[in-house]
Amino acid sequence: MADIQITRDDSETGGRYSTMVNGEEAEMTYSRAGKSRIIIDHTGVPDSMRGLKVGLALVEQAVKDARAENFKIIPLCPFAKAMLDKHPEWQDAVQ
């Protein structure tokens, strides 16, 4: 996971985390729920990236940003929710 470069595009209403691996893009999108919460609503990772932990890296970056910027994550996306549930050490970033 250390060599996965994640980009964040952010706006007043939402944004996305994305990365390119072997010429293909994976993304995780979110909507803003006020200034102190984001709702992760979709994670899309191509089949070619399965097993590379790209989806996990996207969620982990959102947790890092939530801690650094003092916001909480509401995981509407089933994948993001599953990853957050599997990592009790991330629960401080979840609402």
Protein backbone atom coordinates (compact mmCIF):
# COMPACT_ATOMS: atom_id res chain seq x y z
CA MET A 1 0.00 0.00 0.00
CA ALA A 2 2.91 2.36 0.59
CA ASP A 3 3.43 3.11 -3.11
CA ILE A 4 -0.22 3.92 -3.93
CA GLN A 5 -0.49 7.66 -4.62
CA ILE A 6 -3.94 8.99 -3.74
CA THR A 7 -5.32 12.31 -4.99
CA ARG A 8 -8.16 14.15 -3.29
CA ASP A 9 -10.45 16.52 -5.20
CA ASP A 10 -12.59 18.47 -2.73
CA SER A 11 -15.34 21.06 -3.04
CA GLU A 12 -17.98 22.65 -0.83
CA THR A 13 -20.49 19.90 -1.67
CA GLY A 14 -18.29 16.81 -1.92
CA GLY A 15 -15.34 15.24 -3.57
CA ARG A 16 -13.42 12.14 -4.40
CA TYR A 17 -10.28 10.22 -3.64
CA SER A 18 -8.66 8.57 -6.64
CA THR A 19 -5.58 6.71 -7.73
CA MET A 20 -4.19 5.27 -10.93
CA VAL A 21 -2.65 1.80 -10.96
CA ASN A 22 -1.33 0.29 -14.19
CA GLY A 23 -3.25 2.85 -16.25
CA GLU A 24 -6.61 2.26 -14.56
CA GLU A 25 -8.41 4.47 -12.06
CA ALA A 26 -9.98 3.58 -8.73
CA GLU A 27 -12.09 6.09 -6.83
CA MET A 28 -14.07 6.72 -3.69
CA THR A 29 -16.62 9.54 -3.72
CA TYR A 30 -18.21 11.49 -0.91
CA SER A 31 -20.75 14.21 -0.18
CA ARG A 32 -20.42 16.84 2.51
CA ALA A 33 -22.91 16.86 5.38
CA GLY A 34 -22.06 20.26 6.84
CA LYS A 35 -18.54 21.29 7.74
CA SER A 36 -17.82 18.46 10.15
CA ARG A 37 -18.93 15.32 8.25
CA ILE A 38 -18.51 13.57 4.94
CA ILE A 39 -20.67 10.74 3.61
CA ILE A 40 -18.69 8.17 1.65
CA ASP A 41 -21.22 7.02 -0.94
CA HIS A 42 -19.27 4.98 -3.49
CA THR A 43 -16.05 3.06 -3.91
CA GLY A 44 -15.12 1.78 -7.35
CA VAL A 45 -12.07 -0.40 -7.88
CA PRO A 46 -11.48 -2.20 -11.20
CA ASP A 47 -11.23 -5.99 -11.11
CA SER A 48 -7.61 -5.70 -12.26
CA MET A 49 -6.75 -4.15 -8.88
CA ARG A 50 -8.31 -6.84 -6.72
CA GLY A 51 -5.95 -8.03 -4.02
CA LEU A 52 -3.78 -4.89 -4.19
CA LYS A 53 -5.62 -3.25 -1.25
CA VAL A 54 -6.39 -0.16 -3.31
CA GLY A 55 -9.88 0.23 -1.83
CA LEU A 56 -8.45 -0.08 1.66
CA ALA A 57 -5.88 2.62 0.84
CA LEU A 58 -8.64 4.98 -0.29
CA VAL A 59 -10.56 4.49 2.97
CA GLU A 60 -7.39 4.83 5.03
CA GLN A 61 -6.62 8.16 3.35
CA ALA A 62 -10.10 9.43 4.24
CA VAL A 63 -9.47 8.43 7.88
CA LYS A 64 -6.14 10.27 7.89
CA ASP A 65 -7.79 13.37 6.44
CA ALA A 66 -10.68 13.16 8.92
CA ARG A 67 -8.23 13.12 11.81
CA ALA A 68 -6.09 15.94 10.39
CA GLU A 69 -9.03 18.15 9.43
CA ASN A 70 -11.32 17.28 12.35
CA PHE A 71 -14.29 15.83 10.48
CA LYS A 72 -16.21 12.56 10.84
CA ILE A 73 -16.98 9.91 8.23
CA ILE A 74 -20.46 8.50 7.65
CA PRO A 75 -19.93 5.31 5.60
CA LEU A 76 -22.96 4.87 3.33
CA CYS A 77 -20.92 2.81 0.85
CA PRO A 78 -20.97 -0.90 1.92
CA PHE A 79 -17.28 -1.37 1.10
CA ALA A 80 -16.17 1.67 3.12
CA LYS A 81 -18.39 0.58 6.02
CA ALA A 82 -16.90 -2.92 5.95
CA MET A 83 -13.34 -1.58 5.97
CA LEU A 84 -14.08 0.86 8.80
CA ASP A 85 -15.76 -1.92 10.81
CA LYS A 86 -12.70 -4.17 10.34
CA HIS A 87 -10.40 -1.50 11.78
CA PRO A 88 -11.38 -0.59 15.35
CA GLU A 89 -8.41 1.78 15.49
CA TRP A 90 -10.22 3.99 12.95
CA GLN A 91 -13.45 4.36 14.92
CA ASP A 92 -12.48 7.80 16.21
CA ALA A 93 -12.99 9.07 12.64
CA VAL A 94 -16.43 7.49 12.20
CA GLN A 95 -19.80 8.89 13.14
